Amino acid sequence: MNIKRFLIGFVIVSLSLGLAFFGLRLKKINCNLKDQTQTIACPKELTQSLTAKYLHYPLIFTNFETLLATDPLIFGHYLISSTEKVWPNKLELTLKPDTLVYQLETKDGLFALSKSGIANKLEEPDDHLVLVKNNLIDPNQTQKLFDARLQQAIQTLNQTNVSVDSIQFQDQNLATIYTSQPKTKILVDFFQESPLAGLKEILASEEFAKLNDPKKVVVIDLRFKLPVLHSE
């Protein structure tokens, strides 16, 4: 009798596992894009690409939220708002807009940072992103990779229409910003509340115009109350 019960239980477990592995596999993704005001369908190309990529993944044993968060189709473009498995073979996916703001070079590698503060390892540099060099940061502590001060600084630089090449940290607060158009070296202290205050006015000033020579670099020192300009 016990053997019979054991065999029946074994068959049920086997059938359940078989169903999980072979029956409950992803066949369709419903993708929606949500912002503060509305919810719309994701771009058709994105939904098709995600479905093709994850087709037949086991629905039970796959953590789609973790998997999708670092997917190149998602990371730096969207945030995972929610994922819901709908039996037997569908995934409901809701995304929120996100953007990449800079790439960070540390002693242990290169990372892309998104506006939401998510970090993702890069295999090679992205020429479209401002390069930030900081060897003082531990890349294993991903929450420290993202710095809201840097995001604000990069937005300020974009508003001044300068072409930023890189931002290099000397310590936790002091950094040098290198730009190519115009060719400048901007010394800043991120400990200050507004480290780039007055930069737009400086770049439009007569003093800067006199120093601005294609063969030289204009040094703009913003670490003190009054900015200091010279060329080298």
C-alpha atoms as a PDB file:
ATOM      1  CA  MET A   1       0.000   0.000   0.000  1.00  0.00           C
ATOM      2  CA  ASN A   2       2.809   2.368   0.933  1.00  0.00           C
ATOM      3  CA  ILE A   3       4.641   1.517  -2.274  1.00  0.00           C
ATOM      4  CA  LYS A   4       1.495   2.248  -4.279  1.00  0.00           C
ATOM      5  CA  ARG A   5       1.091   5.638  -2.598  1.00  0.00           C
ATOM      6  CA  PHE A   6       4.744   6.360  -3.209  1.00  0.00           C
ATOM      7  CA  LEU A   7       4.413   5.544  -6.907  1.00  0.00           C
ATOM      8  CA  ILE A   8       1.287   7.693  -7.253  1.00  0.00           C
ATOM      9  CA  GLY A   9       3.053  10.591  -5.505  1.00  0.00           C
ATOM     10  CA  PHE A  10       6.123  10.132  -7.679  1.00  0.00           C
ATOM     11  CA  VAL A  11       4.018  10.234 -10.841  1.00  0.00           C
ATOM     12  CA  ILE A  12       2.193  13.383  -9.692  1.00  0.00           C
ATOM     13  CA  VAL A  13       5.466  15.153  -8.837  1.00  0.00           C
ATOM     14  CA  SER A  14       7.006  14.079 -12.150  1.00  0.00           C
ATOM     15  CA  LEU A  15       4.008  15.310 -14.090  1.00  0.00           C
ATOM     16  CA  SER A  16       4.059  18.615 -12.175  1.00  0.00           C
ATOM     17  CA  LEU A  17       7.741  19.147 -12.856  1.00  0.00           C
ATOM     18  CA  GLY A  18       7.275  18.173 -16.475  1.00  0.00           C
ATOM     19  CA  LEU A  19       4.434  20.657 -16.815  1.00  0.00           C
ATOM     20  CA  ALA A  20       6.533  23.360 -15.182  1.00  0.00           C
ATOM     21  CA  PHE A  21       9.487  22.765 -17.472  1.00  0.00           C
ATOM     22  CA  PHE A  22       7.720  21.985 -20.719  1.00  0.00           C
ATOM     23  CA  GLY A  23       4.217  23.393 -20.414  1.00  0.00           C
ATOM     24  CA  LEU A  24       4.500  26.621 -18.423  1.00  0.00           C
ATOM     25  CA  ARG A  25       6.902  28.415 -20.729  1.00  0.00           C
ATOM     26  CA  LEU A  26       6.710  31.987 -21.911  1.00  0.00           C
ATOM     27  CA  LYS A  27       4.931  32.512 -25.202  1.00  0.00           C
ATOM     28  CA  LYS A  28       3.729  36.112 -24.992  1.00  0.00           C
ATOM     29  CA  ILE A  29       4.729  39.428 -23.376  1.00  0.00           C
ATOM     30  CA  ASN A  30       2.219  42.222 -22.929  1.00  0.00           C
ATOM     31  CA  CYS A  31       4.273  45.386 -22.477  1.00  0.00           C
ATOM     32  CA  ASN A  32       2.959  48.770 -21.323  1.00  0.00           C
ATOM     33  CA  LEU A  33       4.738  52.084 -20.777  1.00  0.00           C
ATOM     34  CA  LYS A  34       3.585  54.167 -17.831  1.00  0.00           C
ATOM     35  CA  ASP A  35       4.421  57.744 -16.866  1.00  0.00           C
ATOM     36  CA  GLN A  36       2.841  60.190 -14.412  1.00  0.00           C
ATOM     37  CA  THR A  37      -0.169  60.895 -16.604  1.00  0.00           C
ATOM     38  CA  GLN A  38      -0.946  57.893 -18.786  1.00  0.00           C
ATOM     39  CA  THR A  39      -0.308  54.282 -19.706  1.00  0.00           C
ATOM     40  CA  ILE A  40       0.299  53.325 -23.321  1.00  0.00           C
ATOM     41  CA  ALA A  41       1.514  50.260 -25.180  1.00  0.00           C
ATOM     42  CA  CYS A  42       5.270  49.834 -25.491  1.00  0.00           C
ATOM     43  CA  PRO A  43       6.790  50.384 -28.929  1.00  0.00           C
ATOM     44  CA  LYS A  44       5.885  47.409 -31.098  1.00  0.00           C
ATOM     45  CA  GLU A  45       9.528  46.707 -31.944  1.00  0.00           C
ATOM     46  CA  LEU A  46      10.440  46.507 -28.234  1.00  0.00           C
ATOM     47  CA  THR A  47       7.627  44.070 -27.418  1.00  0.00           C
ATOM     48  CA  GLN A  48       8.510  41.865 -30.388  1.00  0.00           C
ATOM     49  CA  SER A  49      12.217  41.869 -29.531  1.00  0.00           C
ATOM     50  CA  LEU A  50      11.615  40.989 -25.871  1.00  0.00           C
ATOM     51  CA  THR A  51       9.162  38.230 -26.779  1.00  0.00           C
ATOM     52  CA  ALA A  52      11.582  36.702 -29.279  1.00  0.00           C
ATOM     53  CA  LYS A  53      14.463  36.918 -26.797  1.00  0.00           C
ATOM     54  CA  TYR A  54      12.681  35.286 -23.856  1.00  0.00           C
ATOM     55  CA  LEU A  55      10.398  32.930 -25.755  1.00  0.00           C
ATOM     56  CA  HIS A  56      10.099  29.519 -24.033  1.00  0.00           C
ATOM     57  CA  TYR A  57      11.757  30.680 -20.786  1.00  0.00           C
ATOM     58  CA  PRO A  58      10.282  28.712 -17.827  1.00  0.00           C
ATOM     59  CA  LEU A  59       7.545  30.835 -16.309  1.00  0.00           C
ATOM     60  CA  ILE A  60       7.842  29.416 -12.785  1.00  0.00           C
ATOM     61  CA  PHE A  61      11.598  29.456 -12.236  1.00  0.00           C
ATOM     62  CA  THR A  62      12.589  32.658 -14.060  1.00  0.00           C
ATOM     63  CA  ASN A  63      12.934  35.950 -12.203  1.00  0.00           C
ATOM     64  CA  PHE A  64      11.955  38.180 -15.116  1.00  0.00           C
ATOM     65  CA  GLU A  65      12.243  41.416 -13.136  1.00  0.00           C
ATOM     66  CA  THR A  66      15.936  40.812 -12.379  1.00  0.00           C
ATOM     67  CA  LEU A  67      16.605  39.465 -15.856  1.00  0.00           C
ATOM     68  CA  LEU A  68      14.968  42.373 -17.690  1.00  0.00           C
ATOM     69  CA  ALA A  69      16.442  45.122 -15.480  1.00  0.00           C
ATOM     70  CA  THR A  70      19.926  44.687 -16.999  1.00  0.00           C
ATOM     71  CA  ASP A  71      18.792  43.753 -20.503  1.00  0.00           C
ATOM     72  CA  PRO A  72      20.271  46.218 -23.063  1.00  0.00           C
ATOM     73  CA  LEU A  73      16.786  46.662 -24.533  1.00  0.00           C
ATOM     74  CA  ILE A  74      15.579  47.938 -21.134  1.00  0.00           C
ATOM     75  CA  PHE A  75      18.516  49.331 -19.174  1.00  0.00           C
ATOM     76  CA  GLY A  76      19.111  53.036 -19.683  1.00  0.00           C
ATOM     77  CA  HIS A  77      15.799  53.408 -21.515  1.00  0.00           C
ATOM     78  CA  TYR A  78      13.197  52.114 -19.081  1.00  0.00           C
ATOM     79  CA  LEU A  79      12.688  51.068 -15.464  1.00  0.00           C
ATOM     80  CA  ILE A  80      10.797  47.933 -14.495  1.00  0.00           C
ATOM     81  CA  SER A  81       7.622  49.136 -12.804  1.00  0.00           C
ATOM     82  CA  SER A  82       6.082  45.684 -12.418  1.00  0.00           C
ATOM     83  CA  THR A  83       6.110  42.150 -13.808  1.00  0.00           C
ATOM     84  CA  GLU A  84       3.233  39.716 -13.428  1.00  0.00           C
ATOM     85  CA  LYS A  85       3.174  36.116 -14.585  1.00  0.00           C
ATOM     86  CA  VAL A  86      -0.160  35.118 -16.073  1.00  0.00           C
ATOM     87  CA  TRP A  87      -0.606  31.377 -16.311  1.00  0.00           C
ATOM     88  CA  PRO A  88       0.040  29.399 -18.317  1.00  0.00           C
ATOM     89  CA  ASN A  89       2.406  31.288 -20.638  1.00  0.00           C
ATOM     90  CA  LYS A  90       2.131  35.094 -20.504  1.00  0.00           C
ATOM     91  CA  LEU A  91       4.071  37.931 -18.852  1.00  0.00           C
ATOM     92  CA  GLU A  92       2.518  41.321 -18.094  1.00  0.00           C
ATOM     93  CA  LEU A  93       5.305  43.909 -18.122  1.00  0.00           C
ATOM     94  CA  THR A  94       4.989  47.579 -17.136  1.00  0.00           C
ATOM     95  CA  LEU A  95       7.867  49.996 -17.743  1.00  0.00           C
ATOM     96  CA  LYS A  96       8.683  53.593 -16.824  1.00  0.00           C
ATOM     97  CA  PRO A  97      10.936  55.918 -18.862  1.00  0.00           C
ATOM     98  CA  ASP A  98      14.576  56.150 -17.803  1.00  0.00           C
ATOM     99  CA  THR A  99      17.757  57.605 -19.341  1.00  0.00           C
ATOM    100  CA  LEU A 100      21.494  57.065 -19.093  1.00  0.00           C
ATOM    101  CA  VAL A 101      23.324  60.086 -17.692  1.00  0.00           C
ATOM    102  CA  TYR A 102      27.005  59.138 -17.662  1.00  0.00           C
ATOM    103  CA  GLN A 103      29.550  56.336 -17.679  1.00  0.00           C
ATOM    104  CA  LEU A 104      31.825  55.792 -14.706  1.00  0.00           C
ATOM    105  CA  GLU A 105      35.366  54.450 -14.907  1.00  0.00           C
ATOM    106  CA  THR A 106      36.669  52.911 -11.687  1.00  0.00           C
ATOM    107  CA  LYS A 107      39.714  50.790 -10.873  1.00  0.00           C
ATOM    108  CA  ASP A 108      37.511  47.725 -11.360  1.00  0.00           C
ATOM    109  CA  GLY A 109      35.858  48.558 -14.648  1.00  0.00           C
ATOM    110  CA  LEU A 110      33.454  50.727 -16.577  1.00  0.00           C
ATOM    111  CA  PHE A 111      29.807  51.262 -15.592  1.00  0.00           C
ATOM    112  CA  ALA A 112      26.842  53.014 -17.173  1.00  0.00           C
ATOM    113  CA  LEU A 113      24.688  55.001 -14.768  1.00  0.00           C
ATOM    114  CA  SER A 114      21.019  55.748 -15.378  1.00  0.00           C
ATOM    115  CA  LYS A 115      18.998  58.697 -14.131  1.00  0.00           C
ATOM    116  CA  SER A 116      17.281  56.429 -11.648  1.00  0.00           C
ATOM    117  CA  GLY A 117      20.619  55.455 -10.109  1.00  0.00           C
ATOM    118  CA  ILE A 118      20.903  51.963 -11.596  1.00  0.00           C
ATOM    119  CA  ALA A 119      24.400  50.828 -12.568  1.00  0.00           C
ATOM    120  CA  ASN A 120      25.270  48.334 -15.272  1.00  0.00           C
ATOM    121  CA  LYS A 121      28.719  47.024 -16.264  1.00  0.00           C
ATOM    122  CA  LEU A 122      29.959  48.134 -19.696  1.00  0.00           C
ATOM    123  CA  GLU A 123      32.241  46.004 -21.835  1.00  0.00           C
ATOM    124  CA  GLU A 124      33.463  49.000 -23.839  1.00  0.00           C
ATOM    125  CA  PRO A 125      33.140  52.820 -23.649  1.00  0.00           C
ATOM    126  CA  ASP A 126      29.993  54.524 -24.903  1.00  0.00           C
ATOM    127  CA  ASP A 127      30.992  57.621 -26.888  1.00  0.00           C
ATOM    128  CA  HIS A 128      27.543  59.140 -26.369  1.00  0.00           C
ATOM    129  CA  LEU A 129      27.969  59.341 -22.582  1.00  0.00           C
ATOM    130  CA  VAL A 130      30.094  61.716 -20.506  1.00  0.00           C
ATOM    131  CA  LEU A 131      33.027  59.804 -19.008  1.00  0.00           C
ATOM    132  CA  VAL A 132      33.510  60.188 -15.242  1.00  0.00           C
ATOM    133  CA  LYS A 133      36.752  58.846 -13.751  1.00  0.00           C
ATOM    134  CA  ASN A 134      36.743  58.033 -10.054  1.00  0.00           C
ATOM    135  CA  ASN A 135      39.028  55.357  -8.645  1.00  0.00           C
ATOM    136  CA  LEU A 136      37.901  56.064  -5.072  1.00  0.00           C
ATOM    137  CA  ILE A 137      34.527  54.374  -5.519  1.00  0.00           C
ATOM    138  CA  ASP A 138      33.950  50.724  -4.728  1.00  0.00           C
ATOM    139  CA  PRO A 139      31.949  49.346  -7.692  1.00  0.00           C
ATOM    140  CA  ASN A 140      30.598  46.565  -5.464  1.00  0.00           C
ATOM    141  CA  GLN A 141      28.582  49.208  -3.613  1.00  0.00           C
ATOM    142  CA  THR A 142      26.380  50.122  -6.549  1.00  0.00           C
ATOM    143  CA  GLN A 143      24.341  52.649  -4.599  1.00  0.00           C
ATOM    144  CA  LYS A 144      27.471  54.823  -4.370  1.00  0.00           C
ATOM    145  CA  LEU A 145      28.159  54.713  -8.100  1.00  0.00           C
ATOM    146  CA  PHE A 146      25.381  57.146  -8.829  1.00  0.00           C
ATOM    147  CA  ASP A 147      25.817  60.737  -7.678  1.00  0.00           C
ATOM    148  CA  ALA A 148      22.967  63.217  -8.046  1.00  0.00           C
ATOM    149  CA  ARG A 149      25.513  66.053  -7.967  1.00  0.00           C
ATOM    150  CA  LEU A 150      27.098  64.731 -11.128  1.00  0.00           C
ATOM    151  CA  GLN A 151      23.745  64.424 -12.847  1.00  0.00           C
ATOM    152  CA  GLN A 152      22.958  68.041 -11.990  1.00  0.00           C
ATOM    153  CA  ALA A 153      26.415  69.177 -13.137  1.00  0.00           C
ATOM    154  CA  ILE A 154      26.101  67.389 -16.476  1.00  0.00           C
ATOM    155  CA  GLN A 155      22.657  68.923 -17.030  1.00  0.00           C
ATOM    156  CA  THR A 156      24.147  72.360 -16.292  1.00  0.00           C
ATOM    157  CA  LEU A 157      26.993  71.748 -18.735  1.00  0.00           C
ATOM    158  CA  ASN A 158      24.528  70.667 -21.417  1.00  0.00           C
ATOM    159  CA  GLN A 159      22.596  73.891 -20.906  1.00  0.00           C
ATOM    160  CA  THR A 160      25.779  75.890 -21.528  1.00  0.00           C
ATOM    161  CA  ASN A 161      26.237  74.111 -24.886  1.00  0.00           C
ATOM    162  CA  VAL A 162      29.775  72.923 -24.090  1.00  0.00           C
ATOM    163  CA  SER A 163      31.050  69.564 -25.292  1.00  0.00           C
ATOM    164  CA  VAL A 164      32.171  67.601 -22.214  1.00  0.00           C
ATOM    165  CA  ASP A 165      34.935  65.030 -22.728  1.00  0.00           C
ATOM    166  CA  SER A 166      35.403  63.757 -19.190  1.00  0.00           C
ATOM    167  CA  ILE A 167      35.127  64.510 -15.478  1.00  0.00           C
ATOM    168  CA  GLN A 168      38.024  63.317 -13.338  1.00  0.00           C
ATOM    169  CA  PHE A 169      37.903  63.219  -9.528  1.00  0.00           C
ATOM    170  CA  GLN A 170      40.964  63.993  -7.429  1.00  0.00           C
ATOM    171  CA  ASP A 171      39.214  63.118  -4.155  1.00  0.00           C
ATOM    172  CA  GLN A 172      35.629  62.705  -2.942  1.00  0.00           C
ATOM    173  CA  ASN A 173      34.704  66.310  -3.860  1.00  0.00           C
ATOM    174  CA  LEU A 174      37.359  67.954  -6.009  1.00  0.00           C
ATOM    175  CA  ALA A 175      37.130  67.265  -9.729  1.00  0.00           C
ATOM    176  CA  THR A 176      38.347  68.557 -13.080  1.00  0.00           C
ATOM    177  CA  ILE A 177      35.934  68.827 -16.003  1.00  0.00           C
ATOM    178  CA  TYR A 178      37.538  68.655 -19.453  1.00  0.00           C
ATOM    179  CA  THR A 179      35.655  70.118 -22.434  1.00  0.00           C
ATOM    180  CA  SER A 180      36.629  70.250 -26.104  1.00  0.00           C
ATOM    181  CA  GLN A 181      34.256  72.901 -27.500  1.00  0.00           C
ATOM    182  CA  PRO A 182      35.436  75.296 -26.193  1.00  0.00           C
ATOM    183  CA  LYS A 183      38.699  73.778 -24.949  1.00  0.00           C
ATOM    184  CA  THR A 184      38.588  74.283 -21.178  1.00  0.00           C
ATOM    185  CA  LYS A 185      39.621  72.711 -17.893  1.00  0.00           C
ATOM    186  CA  ILE A 186      37.077  73.525 -15.173  1.00  0.00           C
ATOM    187  CA  LEU A 187      38.102  72.993 -11.541  1.00  0.00           C
ATOM    188  CA  VAL A 188      35.119  72.385  -9.247  1.00  0.00           C
ATOM    189  CA  ASP A 189      34.346  71.438  -5.655  1.00  0.00           C
ATOM    190  CA  PHE A 190      31.267  69.223  -5.471  1.00  0.00           C
ATOM    191  CA  PHE A 191      31.048  69.862  -1.739  1.00  0.00           C
ATOM    192  CA  GLN A 192      29.607  73.258  -2.656  1.00  0.00           C
ATOM    193  CA  GLU A 193      25.854  73.570  -3.031  1.00  0.00           C
ATOM    194  CA  SER A 194      26.133  74.893  -6.622  1.00  0.00           C
ATOM    195  CA  PRO A 195      29.586  73.861  -7.907  1.00  0.00           C
ATOM    196  CA  LEU A 196      28.998  75.267 -11.410  1.00  0.00           C
ATOM    197  CA  ALA A 197      27.319  78.521 -10.384  1.00  0.00           C
ATOM    198  CA  GLY A 198      28.106  81.324 -12.808  1.00  0.00           C
ATOM    199  CA  LEU A 199      29.687  79.097 -15.473  1.00  0.00           C
ATOM    200  CA  LYS A 200      27.262  80.149 -18.214  1.00  0.00           C
ATOM    201  CA  GLU A 201      28.017  83.839 -17.559  1.00  0.00           C
ATOM    202  CA  ILE A 202      31.782  83.163 -17.497  1.00  0.00           C
ATOM    203  CA  LEU A 203      31.712  81.433 -20.890  1.00  0.00           C
ATOM    204  CA  ALA A 204      29.879  84.452 -22.340  1.00  0.00           C
ATOM    205  CA  SER A 205      32.199  87.019 -20.729  1.00  0.00           C
ATOM    206  CA  GLU A 206      34.787  89.216 -22.454  1.00  0.00           C
ATOM    207  CA  GLU A 207      37.509  87.869 -20.164  1.00  0.00           C
ATOM    208  CA  PHE A 208      36.863  84.320 -21.381  1.00  0.00           C
ATOM    209  CA  ALA A 209      36.724  85.485 -25.020  1.00  0.00           C
ATOM    210  CA  LYS A 210      40.194  87.039 -24.688  1.00  0.00           C
ATOM    211  CA  LEU A 211      41.665  83.800 -23.320  1.00  0.00           C
ATOM    212  CA  ASN A 212      39.824  81.458 -25.694  1.00  0.00           C
ATOM    213  CA  ASP A 213      42.525  80.311 -28.122  1.00  0.00           C
ATOM    214  CA  PRO A 214      42.195  77.024 -30.133  1.00  0.00           C
ATOM    215  CA  LYS A 215      45.864  76.297 -29.391  1.00  0.00           C
ATOM    216  CA  LYS A 216      45.494  76.698 -25.632  1.00  0.00           C
ATOM    217  CA  VAL A 217      43.300  75.476 -22.778  1.00  0.00           C
ATOM    218  CA  VAL A 218      41.331  77.955 -20.687  1.00  0.00           C
ATOM    219  CA  VAL A 219      41.419  77.025 -17.003  1.00  0.00           C
ATOM    220  CA  ILE A 220      38.303  78.067 -15.062  1.00  0.00           C
ATOM    221  CA  ASP A 221      38.696  77.634 -11.314  1.00  0.00           C
ATOM    222  CA  LEU A 222      35.295  77.597  -9.581  1.00  0.00           C
ATOM    223  CA  ARG A 223      36.473  76.273  -6.213  1.00  0.00           C
ATOM    224  CA  PHE A 224      36.381  79.676  -4.540  1.00  0.00           C
ATOM    225  CA  LYS A 225      33.847  82.488  -4.104  1.00  0.00           C
ATOM    226  CA  LEU A 226      35.339  84.419  -7.037  1.00  0.00           C
ATOM    227  CA  PRO A 227      36.223  82.426 -10.184  1.00  0.00           C
ATOM    228  CA  VAL A 228      39.805  82.528 -11.494  1.00  0.00           C
ATOM    229  CA  LEU A 229      40.585  82.325 -15.217  1.00  0.00           C
ATOM    230  CA  HIS A 230      43.870  81.769 -17.013  1.00  0.00           C
ATOM    231  CA  SER A 231      45.178  79.840 -20.017  1.00  0.00           C
ATOM    232  CA  GLU A 232      47.821  77.165 -20.343  1.00  0.00           C
END
